[in-house]
Protein backbone atom coordinates (compact mmCIF):
# COMPACT_ATOMS: atom_id res chain seq x y z
CA UNK A 1 94.82 121.32 91.88
CA UNK A 2 98.62 121.41 92.03
CA UNK A 3 98.90 120.90 95.79
CA UNK A 4 97.10 117.57 95.50
CA UNK A 5 98.97 116.28 92.44
CA UNK A 6 101.41 114.04 94.33
CA UNK A 7 98.74 112.57 96.57
CA UNK A 8 96.47 111.95 93.59
CA UNK A 9 99.28 110.14 91.78
CA UNK A 10 99.80 107.86 94.78
CA UNK A 11 96.06 107.22 95.14
CA UNK A 12 95.92 106.36 91.43
CA UNK A 13 98.60 103.71 92.00
CA UNK A 14 96.28 101.74 94.31
CA UNK A 15 94.77 98.75 92.44
CA UNK A 16 91.15 99.41 91.54
CA UNK A 17 88.76 96.61 92.60
CA UNK A 18 86.28 97.44 89.81
CA UNK A 19 86.10 95.94 86.35
CA UNK A 20 87.70 97.94 83.56
CA UNK A 21 84.43 98.80 81.84
CA UNK A 22 81.90 101.23 83.22
CA UNK A 23 84.13 103.24 85.52
CA UNK A 24 82.32 106.57 85.69
CA UNK A 25 84.41 107.86 88.58
CA UNK A 26 88.20 107.59 88.73
CA UNK A 27 89.49 105.85 91.81
CA UNK A 28 91.92 108.57 92.91
CA UNK A 29 89.16 111.18 93.05
CA UNK A 30 86.74 108.91 94.90
CA UNK A 31 89.45 108.29 97.48
CA UNK A 32 90.51 111.93 97.76
CA UNK A 33 86.94 113.18 98.11
CA UNK A 34 86.23 110.47 100.69
CA UNK A 35 89.25 111.65 102.68
CA UNK A 36 88.10 115.26 102.49
CA UNK A 37 84.61 114.20 103.55
CA UNK A 38 85.89 112.35 106.62
CA UNK A 39 88.16 115.27 107.55
CA UNK A 40 85.13 117.57 107.49
CA UNK A 41 83.06 115.29 109.71
CA UNK A 42 81.50 112.56 107.55
CA UNK A 43 81.31 109.22 109.35
CA UNK A 44 79.34 107.07 106.90
CA UNK A 45 79.15 106.27 103.19
CA UNK A 46 76.02 108.38 102.95
CA UNK A 47 77.93 111.21 104.61
CA UNK A 48 80.70 110.92 102.01
CA UNK A 49 78.13 111.07 99.21
CA UNK A 50 76.47 114.10 100.81
CA UNK A 51 79.82 115.89 100.97
CA UNK A 52 80.57 115.17 97.30
CA UNK A 53 77.07 116.10 96.20
CA UNK A 54 77.08 119.36 98.16
CA UNK A 55 80.52 120.39 96.86
CA UNK A 56 80.29 118.79 93.40
CA UNK A 57 80.55 121.98 91.34
CA UNK A 58 83.42 123.30 93.46
CA UNK A 59 85.25 119.97 93.21
CA UNK A 60 84.68 119.83 89.45
CA UNK A 61 86.18 123.29 89.00
CA UNK A 62 89.14 122.62 91.31
CA UNK A 63 90.14 119.28 89.74
CA UNK A 64 88.98 119.72 86.15
CA UNK A 65 86.19 117.15 86.40
CA UNK A 66 82.74 117.00 84.87
CA UNK A 67 80.83 114.87 87.36
CA UNK A 68 77.09 115.38 86.82
CA UNK A 69 76.22 113.78 90.13
CA UNK A 70 77.90 112.23 93.13
CA UNK A 71 78.44 108.46 93.17
CA UNK A 72 75.77 106.51 95.03
CA UNK A 73 76.68 105.62 98.59
CA UNK A 74 76.52 101.95 97.61
CA UNK A 75 79.10 102.57 94.86
CA UNK A 76 81.39 104.38 97.31
CA UNK A 77 81.02 101.49 99.75
CA UNK A 78 81.81 98.93 97.05
CA UNK A 79 84.95 100.79 95.99
CA UNK A 80 86.30 101.41 99.50
CA UNK A 81 85.54 97.94 100.82
CA UNK A 82 87.13 96.35 97.76
CA UNK A 83 90.53 97.97 98.36
CA UNK A 84 93.34 96.01 100.00
CA UNK A 85 94.38 97.73 103.26
CA UNK A 86 98.07 97.01 102.56
CA UNK A 87 97.87 98.82 99.20
CA UNK A 88 96.23 101.86 100.78
CA UNK A 89 98.72 101.88 103.66
CA UNK A 90 101.68 101.75 101.26
CA UNK A 91 100.37 104.77 99.33
CA UNK A 92 99.93 106.78 102.52
CA UNK A 93 103.37 105.78 103.82
CA UNK A 94 104.94 107.08 100.62
CA UNK A 95 102.94 110.29 100.91
CA UNK A 96 103.93 110.77 104.55
CA UNK A 97 107.57 110.06 103.72
CA UNK A 98 107.55 112.72 101.00
CA UNK A 99 106.05 115.27 103.39
CA UNK A 100 108.61 114.38 106.05
CA UNK A 101 111.47 114.48 103.57
CA UNK A 102 112.91 111.03 104.17
CA UNK A 103 112.39 107.41 103.20
CA UNK A 104 110.56 104.87 105.35
CA UNK A 105 111.64 101.76 103.43
CA UNK A 106 113.98 99.36 105.29
CA UNK A 107 116.28 98.94 102.28
CA UNK A 108 117.00 102.66 101.92
CA UNK A 109 119.10 103.52 104.96
CA UNK A 110 120.35 106.98 105.90
CA UNK A 111 123.70 108.06 104.61
CA UNK A 112 126.45 109.51 106.77
CA UNK A 113 125.82 112.95 105.31
CA UNK A 114 122.16 112.89 106.38
CA UNK A 115 122.70 112.00 110.03
CA UNK A 116 122.13 115.62 110.97
CA UNK A 117 118.53 115.05 109.85
CA UNK A 118 117.84 112.46 112.51
CA UNK A 119 114.21 112.33 113.52
CA UNK A 120 112.44 111.49 116.74
CA UNK A 121 109.73 108.93 116.04
CA UNK A 122 107.21 108.00 118.71
CA UNK A 123 105.53 104.60 118.49
CA UNK A 124 102.28 104.13 120.35
CA UNK A 125 98.99 102.28 120.21
CA UNK A 126 95.55 103.88 120.24
CA UNK A 127 91.96 102.65 120.34
CA UNK A 128 89.76 104.02 117.57
CA UNK A 129 86.80 105.86 119.04
CA UNK A 130 83.44 104.42 118.04
CA UNK A 131 84.94 101.37 116.31
CA UNK A 132 83.41 98.79 118.64
CA UNK A 133 80.45 96.70 117.45
CA UNK A 134 78.20 95.58 120.29
CA UNK A 135 75.78 93.84 117.94
CA UNK A 136 78.48 91.49 116.63
CA UNK A 137 80.34 91.42 119.97
CA UNK A 138 83.41 92.97 118.33
CA UNK A 139 85.94 94.92 120.37
CA UNK A 140 87.05 98.40 119.42
CA UNK A 141 89.82 98.44 116.81
CA UNK A 142 93.34 99.29 117.93
CA UNK A 143 96.09 100.70 115.74
CA UNK A 144 99.81 101.04 116.37
CA UNK A 145 101.31 104.16 114.79
CA UNK A 146 104.69 105.70 114.06
CA UNK A 147 104.54 109.47 114.68
CA UNK A 148 107.22 111.92 113.51
CA UNK A 149 107.33 114.40 116.38
CA UNK A 150 109.05 117.23 114.50
CA UNK A 151 106.51 117.37 111.67
CA UNK A 152 103.49 116.08 113.64
CA UNK A 153 102.74 113.51 110.95
CA UNK A 154 101.90 109.82 111.21
CA UNK A 155 104.30 108.06 108.86
CA UNK A 156 102.84 104.56 109.19
CA UNK A 157 100.40 102.49 111.16
CA UNK A 158 99.17 98.91 111.44
CA UNK A 159 96.14 97.34 113.08
CA UNK A 160 96.71 95.41 116.29
CA UNK A 161 95.21 91.93 116.14
CA UNK A 162 92.19 91.55 118.41
CA UNK A 163 93.81 88.61 120.22
CA UNK A 164 97.24 90.23 120.47
CA UNK A 165 98.83 93.38 121.91
CA UNK A 166 101.22 96.22 121.05
CA UNK A 167 104.45 94.21 121.36
CA UNK A 168 104.16 92.13 118.15
CA UNK A 169 102.77 95.19 116.37
CA UNK A 170 105.84 97.22 117.36
CA UNK A 171 108.16 94.48 116.12
CA UNK A 172 106.36 94.36 112.77
CA UNK A 173 106.26 98.12 112.27
CA UNK A 174 109.93 98.60 113.14
CA UNK A 175 110.86 95.81 110.72
CA UNK A 176 108.92 97.50 107.93
CA UNK A 177 110.27 101.02 108.41
CA UNK A 178 113.67 102.61 107.90
CA UNK A 179 114.44 103.79 111.43
CA UNK A 180 118.25 103.46 111.34
CA UNK A 181 119.92 106.50 112.97
CA UNK A 182 116.58 107.83 114.18
CA UNK A 183 115.52 108.17 117.83
CA UNK A 184 112.65 105.82 118.65
CA UNK A 185 110.45 106.09 121.74
CA UNK A 186 108.02 103.44 122.99
CA UNK A 187 106.04 102.67 126.12
CA UNK A 188 107.72 100.87 129.02
CA UNK A 189 105.98 97.60 128.14
CA UNK A 190 108.45 97.20 125.24
CA UNK A 191 111.55 97.36 127.51
CA UNK A 192 112.06 93.61 127.77
CA UNK A 193 115.15 91.75 126.58
CA UNK A 194 113.30 89.10 124.59
CA UNK A 195 111.37 91.79 122.77
CA UNK A 196 114.33 94.12 122.24
CA UNK A 197 116.69 91.44 120.91
CA UNK A 198 115.28 91.46 117.34
CA UNK A 199 115.61 95.25 117.28
CA UNK A 200 119.29 95.11 118.19
CA UNK A 201 120.12 92.69 115.38
CA UNK A 202 121.26 94.29 112.07
CA UNK A 203 118.50 94.66 109.52
CA UNK A 204 118.97 92.86 106.17
CA UNK A 205 120.04 95.07 103.27
């Protein structure tokens, strides 16, 4: 499907945790179908498999595949858990940047001619609903995201360490993104000199 071609190419660039032999299902399609499953309400590996199995013929026709059955939920779990979060995040940042029409890499700064395309980017932390684990006494996961307000797209996010807070996460995310000449908004907790100083220093080229 043409509208998914760019996303599929980026998903295919993610290193596959499986051995070279015996790959019945290509990684990019497992990832894409898992995304579609979650968007439509799946919240477990079994739910992802149910989505693929229910829509298998339609997915085959749309993407030129010949899957005879959906992958087992254990296979989906093995693939997804074997991925490196940083690799997946990089692919999604590139996809978000292409949709937004600008680069998010710190070495690719805006030119003078593109200053009219300045964006407003809101940085904020959120707690993921249902991510706590009472059995293992694990707190709910928190993520810190960069949100492009004009396109309503998240261009990047990182997980906040359980023993930390939003301030170090904001420093890390701003250091990783190209935010020169953009308008950045953050919560009041970030308005401290010792935290703002690194942001006021010129970024390395």
